[in-house]
Amino acid sequence: MATLTLKNIPDDLYERLRERAALHRRSINGEMIHCLEQALQPRRLTPEDRLQRIRSLRPAIDPQAVTHEDLVAAIDEGRP
């Protein structure tokens, strides 16, 4: 195992880490290791999982929010 020392952690970030550690009943060091593991572990989703995630988000999307004209303008933006 390796040892890592963090310096110059902003006060608000340290406070949030401390609060998360208390919430999860971990030491600050344990919470930091957990956060790093979550951030750095590859997340492999099966196509079925990805499709389920898309389907769960679909009801929150307003179908009128983006028009066909908006899409065409976005595609054409930046073209000579």
N, C-alpha and C. Protein backbone atom coordinates (compact mmCIF):
# COMPACT_ATOMS: atom_id res chain seq x y z
N MET A 1 0.84 -1.19 0.00
CA MET A 1 0.00 0.00 0.00
C MET A 1 0.88 1.24 0.00
N ALA A 2 0.36 2.27 -0.58
CA ALA A 2 1.08 3.53 -0.67
C ALA A 2 0.46 4.54 0.28
N THR A 3 1.22 5.57 0.55
CA THR A 3 0.74 6.68 1.39
C THR A 3 0.65 7.92 0.51
N LEU A 4 -0.43 8.66 0.65
CA LEU A 4 -0.67 9.86 -0.13
C LEU A 4 -0.97 11.00 0.83
N THR A 5 -0.32 12.12 0.63
CA THR A 5 -0.57 13.31 1.45
C THR A 5 -1.18 14.37 0.56
N LEU A 6 -2.29 14.93 0.98
CA LEU A 6 -2.93 16.02 0.23
C LEU A 6 -2.65 17.33 0.94
N LYS A 7 -2.30 18.34 0.17
CA LYS A 7 -2.02 19.65 0.73
C LYS A 7 -2.93 20.69 0.09
N ASN A 8 -3.13 21.76 0.80
CA ASN A 8 -3.88 22.92 0.29
C ASN A 8 -5.30 22.57 -0.15
N ILE A 9 -5.96 21.72 0.61
CA ILE A 9 -7.35 21.38 0.33
C ILE A 9 -8.21 22.58 0.73
N PRO A 10 -9.04 23.09 -0.17
CA PRO A 10 -9.91 24.21 0.20
C PRO A 10 -10.80 23.83 1.38
N ASP A 11 -11.03 24.79 2.25
CA ASP A 11 -11.80 24.54 3.47
C ASP A 11 -13.18 23.96 3.18
N ASP A 12 -13.87 24.50 2.16
CA ASP A 12 -15.22 24.01 1.87
C ASP A 12 -15.19 22.56 1.36
N LEU A 13 -14.17 22.21 0.59
CA LEU A 13 -14.04 20.84 0.11
C LEU A 13 -13.75 19.88 1.27
N TYR A 14 -12.88 20.28 2.16
CA TYR A 14 -12.56 19.46 3.32
C TYR A 14 -13.81 19.27 4.19
N GLU A 15 -14.59 20.32 4.35
CA GLU A 15 -15.80 20.23 5.17
C GLU A 15 -16.80 19.25 4.55
N ARG A 16 -16.96 19.31 3.23
CA ARG A 16 -17.87 18.37 2.57
C ARG A 16 -17.38 16.94 2.71
N LEU A 17 -16.07 16.75 2.60
CA LEU A 17 -15.50 15.42 2.78
C LEU A 17 -15.74 14.92 4.21
N ARG A 18 -15.55 15.79 5.17
CA ARG A 18 -15.75 15.44 6.57
C ARG A 18 -17.21 15.06 6.81
N GLU A 19 -18.14 15.83 6.24
CA GLU A 19 -19.57 15.53 6.40
C GLU A 19 -19.94 14.20 5.75
N ARG A 20 -19.40 13.93 4.56
CA ARG A 20 -19.67 12.64 3.90
C ARG A 20 -19.12 11.48 4.70
N ALA A 21 -17.93 11.67 5.26
CA ALA A 21 -17.31 10.62 6.07
C ALA A 21 -18.20 10.31 7.27
N ALA A 22 -18.70 11.34 7.93
CA ALA A 22 -19.57 11.13 9.09
C ALA A 22 -20.87 10.43 8.67
N LEU A 23 -21.43 10.87 7.55
CA LEU A 23 -22.67 10.29 7.05
C LEU A 23 -22.51 8.79 6.77
N HIS A 24 -21.37 8.41 6.24
CA HIS A 24 -21.12 7.01 5.88
C HIS A 24 -20.38 6.24 6.97
N ARG A 25 -20.21 6.89 8.11
CA ARG A 25 -19.53 6.27 9.26
C ARG A 25 -18.14 5.78 8.89
N ARG A 26 -17.40 6.65 8.20
CA ARG A 26 -16.03 6.35 7.80
C ARG A 26 -15.11 7.43 8.36
N SER A 27 -13.84 7.11 8.43
CA SER A 27 -12.85 8.14 8.73
C SER A 27 -12.72 9.02 7.48
N ILE A 28 -12.12 10.16 7.64
CA ILE A 28 -11.90 11.02 6.48
C ILE A 28 -11.02 10.29 5.46
N ASN A 29 -10.00 9.60 5.94
CA ASN A 29 -9.14 8.83 5.05
C ASN A 29 -9.94 7.76 4.31
N GLY A 30 -10.79 7.04 5.02
CA GLY A 30 -11.62 6.01 4.40
C GLY A 30 -12.56 6.58 3.37
N GLU A 31 -13.14 7.73 3.66
CA GLU A 31 -14.04 8.37 2.70
C GLU A 31 -13.28 8.82 1.46
N MET A 32 -12.08 9.34 1.65
CA MET A 32 -11.27 9.78 0.52
C MET A 32 -10.92 8.60 -0.38
N ILE A 33 -10.55 7.47 0.23
CA ILE A 33 -10.25 6.27 -0.56
C ILE A 33 -11.50 5.83 -1.33
N HIS A 34 -12.66 5.86 -0.66
CA HIS A 34 -13.91 5.48 -1.33
C HIS A 34 -14.19 6.41 -2.52
N CYS A 35 -14.03 7.70 -2.31
CA CYS A 35 -14.26 8.68 -3.40
C CYS A 35 -13.32 8.42 -4.57
N LEU A 36 -12.06 8.17 -4.28
CA LEU A 36 -11.10 7.89 -5.35
C LEU A 36 -11.45 6.61 -6.08
N GLU A 37 -11.85 5.57 -5.35
CA GLU A 37 -12.24 4.32 -6.00
C GLU A 37 -13.42 4.54 -6.93
N GLN A 38 -14.41 5.29 -6.46
CA GLN A 38 -15.60 5.54 -7.28
C GLN A 38 -15.26 6.35 -8.52
N ALA A 39 -14.37 7.32 -8.37
CA ALA A 39 -14.01 8.19 -9.49
C ALA A 39 -13.12 7.50 -10.51
N LEU A 40 -12.29 6.58 -10.06
CA LEU A 40 -11.28 6.01 -10.94
C LEU A 40 -11.59 4.61 -11.46
N GLN A 41 -12.58 3.94 -10.90
CA GLN A 41 -12.93 2.61 -11.40
C GLN A 41 -13.68 2.74 -12.72
N PRO A 42 -13.29 1.93 -13.71
CA PRO A 42 -14.02 1.99 -14.97
C PRO A 42 -15.46 1.51 -14.75
N ARG A 43 -16.36 2.18 -15.41
CA ARG A 43 -17.77 1.80 -15.31
C ARG A 43 -18.19 1.19 -16.63
N ARG A 44 -18.42 -0.07 -16.62
CA ARG A 44 -18.86 -0.77 -17.82
C ARG A 44 -20.35 -1.01 -17.71
N LEU A 45 -21.07 -0.43 -18.64
CA LEU A 45 -22.51 -0.64 -18.67
C LEU A 45 -22.84 -1.58 -19.83
N THR A 46 -23.73 -2.48 -19.56
CA THR A 46 -24.20 -3.33 -20.65
C THR A 46 -25.12 -2.48 -21.53
N PRO A 47 -25.31 -2.88 -22.76
CA PRO A 47 -26.25 -2.13 -23.60
C PRO A 47 -27.64 -2.03 -22.97
N GLU A 48 -28.05 -3.10 -22.28
CA GLU A 48 -29.37 -3.08 -21.63
C GLU A 48 -29.42 -2.04 -20.51
N ASP A 49 -28.33 -1.96 -19.72
CA ASP A 49 -28.27 -0.97 -18.65
C ASP A 49 -28.30 0.45 -19.21
N ARG A 50 -27.55 0.66 -20.28
CA ARG A 50 -27.51 1.99 -20.91
C ARG A 50 -28.89 2.37 -21.45
N LEU A 51 -29.56 1.41 -22.11
CA LEU A 51 -30.89 1.66 -22.65
C LEU A 51 -31.88 1.96 -21.52
N GLN A 52 -31.79 1.23 -20.42
CA GLN A 52 -32.68 1.48 -19.28
C GLN A 52 -32.46 2.89 -18.73
N ARG A 53 -31.20 3.31 -18.66
CA ARG A 53 -30.88 4.66 -18.17
C ARG A 53 -31.48 5.72 -19.10
N ILE A 54 -31.36 5.51 -20.39
CA ILE A 54 -31.94 6.44 -21.36
C ILE A 54 -33.46 6.50 -21.21
N ARG A 55 -34.07 5.34 -21.08
CA ARG A 55 -35.53 5.30 -20.92
C ARG A 55 -35.99 5.97 -19.64
N SER A 56 -35.18 5.87 -18.57
CA SER A 56 -35.56 6.52 -17.31
C SER A 56 -35.45 8.03 -17.41
N LEU A 57 -34.58 8.53 -18.28
CA LEU A 57 -34.41 9.98 -18.43
C LEU A 57 -35.43 10.59 -19.39
N ARG A 58 -35.93 9.79 -20.30
CA ARG A 58 -36.81 10.29 -21.35
C ARG A 58 -38.03 11.08 -20.83
N PRO A 59 -38.73 10.62 -19.78
CA PRO A 59 -39.91 11.38 -19.33
C PRO A 59 -39.60 12.80 -18.85
N ALA A 60 -38.37 13.05 -18.45
CA ALA A 60 -38.01 14.37 -17.95
C ALA A 60 -37.67 15.36 -19.07
N ILE A 61 -37.62 14.87 -20.30
CA ILE A 61 -37.24 15.72 -21.43
C ILE A 61 -38.49 16.27 -22.10
N ASP A 62 -38.52 17.58 -22.24
CA ASP A 62 -39.65 18.25 -22.90
C ASP A 62 -39.46 18.10 -24.41
N PRO A 63 -40.36 17.39 -25.10
CA PRO A 63 -40.18 17.18 -26.54
C PRO A 63 -40.27 18.47 -27.35
N GLN A 64 -40.83 19.52 -26.77
CA GLN A 64 -40.94 20.78 -27.47
C GLN A 64 -39.74 21.70 -27.22
N ALA A 65 -38.81 21.25 -26.38
CA ALA A 65 -37.68 22.10 -26.01
C ALA A 65 -36.75 22.38 -27.18
N VAL A 66 -36.58 21.41 -28.05
CA VAL A 66 -35.70 21.57 -29.21
C VAL A 66 -36.48 21.23 -30.46
N THR A 67 -36.50 22.17 -31.38
CA THR A 67 -37.24 21.96 -32.63
C THR A 67 -36.29 21.42 -33.70
N HIS A 68 -36.90 20.97 -34.78
CA HIS A 68 -36.10 20.52 -35.93
C HIS A 68 -35.21 21.64 -36.44
N GLU A 69 -35.74 22.85 -36.45
CA GLU A 69 -34.97 24.01 -36.91
C GLU A 69 -33.77 24.26 -35.99
N ASP A 70 -33.95 24.07 -34.69
CA ASP A 70 -32.84 24.21 -33.74
C ASP A 70 -31.73 23.21 -34.06
N LEU A 71 -32.13 21.98 -34.36
CA LEU A 71 -31.15 20.95 -34.68
C LEU A 71 -30.41 21.27 -35.97
N VAL A 72 -31.13 21.71 -37.00
CA VAL A 72 -30.49 22.06 -38.25
C VAL A 72 -29.53 23.21 -38.05
N ALA A 73 -29.93 24.23 -37.29
CA ALA A 73 -29.06 25.37 -37.02
C ALA A 73 -27.80 24.94 -36.26
N ALA A 74 -27.95 24.04 -35.30
CA ALA A 74 -26.80 23.56 -34.53
C ALA A 74 -25.85 22.77 -35.43
N ILE A 75 -26.40 21.96 -36.34
CA ILE A 75 -25.56 21.20 -37.26
C ILE A 75 -24.82 22.12 -38.21
N ASP A 76 -25.53 23.14 -38.69
CA ASP A 76 -24.94 24.07 -39.66
C ASP A 76 -23.98 25.08 -39.03
N GLU A 77 -24.07 25.25 -37.72
CA GLU A 77 -23.24 26.24 -37.05
C GLU A 77 -21.76 25.93 -37.24
N GLY A 78 -21.03 26.91 -37.70
CA GLY A 78 -19.60 26.73 -37.88
C GLY A 78 -19.21 26.16 -39.23
N ARG A 79 -20.18 25.81 -40.02
CA ARG A 79 -19.85 25.31 -41.36
C ARG A 79 -19.60 26.51 -42.28
N PRO A 80 -18.62 26.38 -43.19
CA PRO A 80 -18.35 27.50 -44.13
C PRO A 80 -19.43 27.64 -45.16
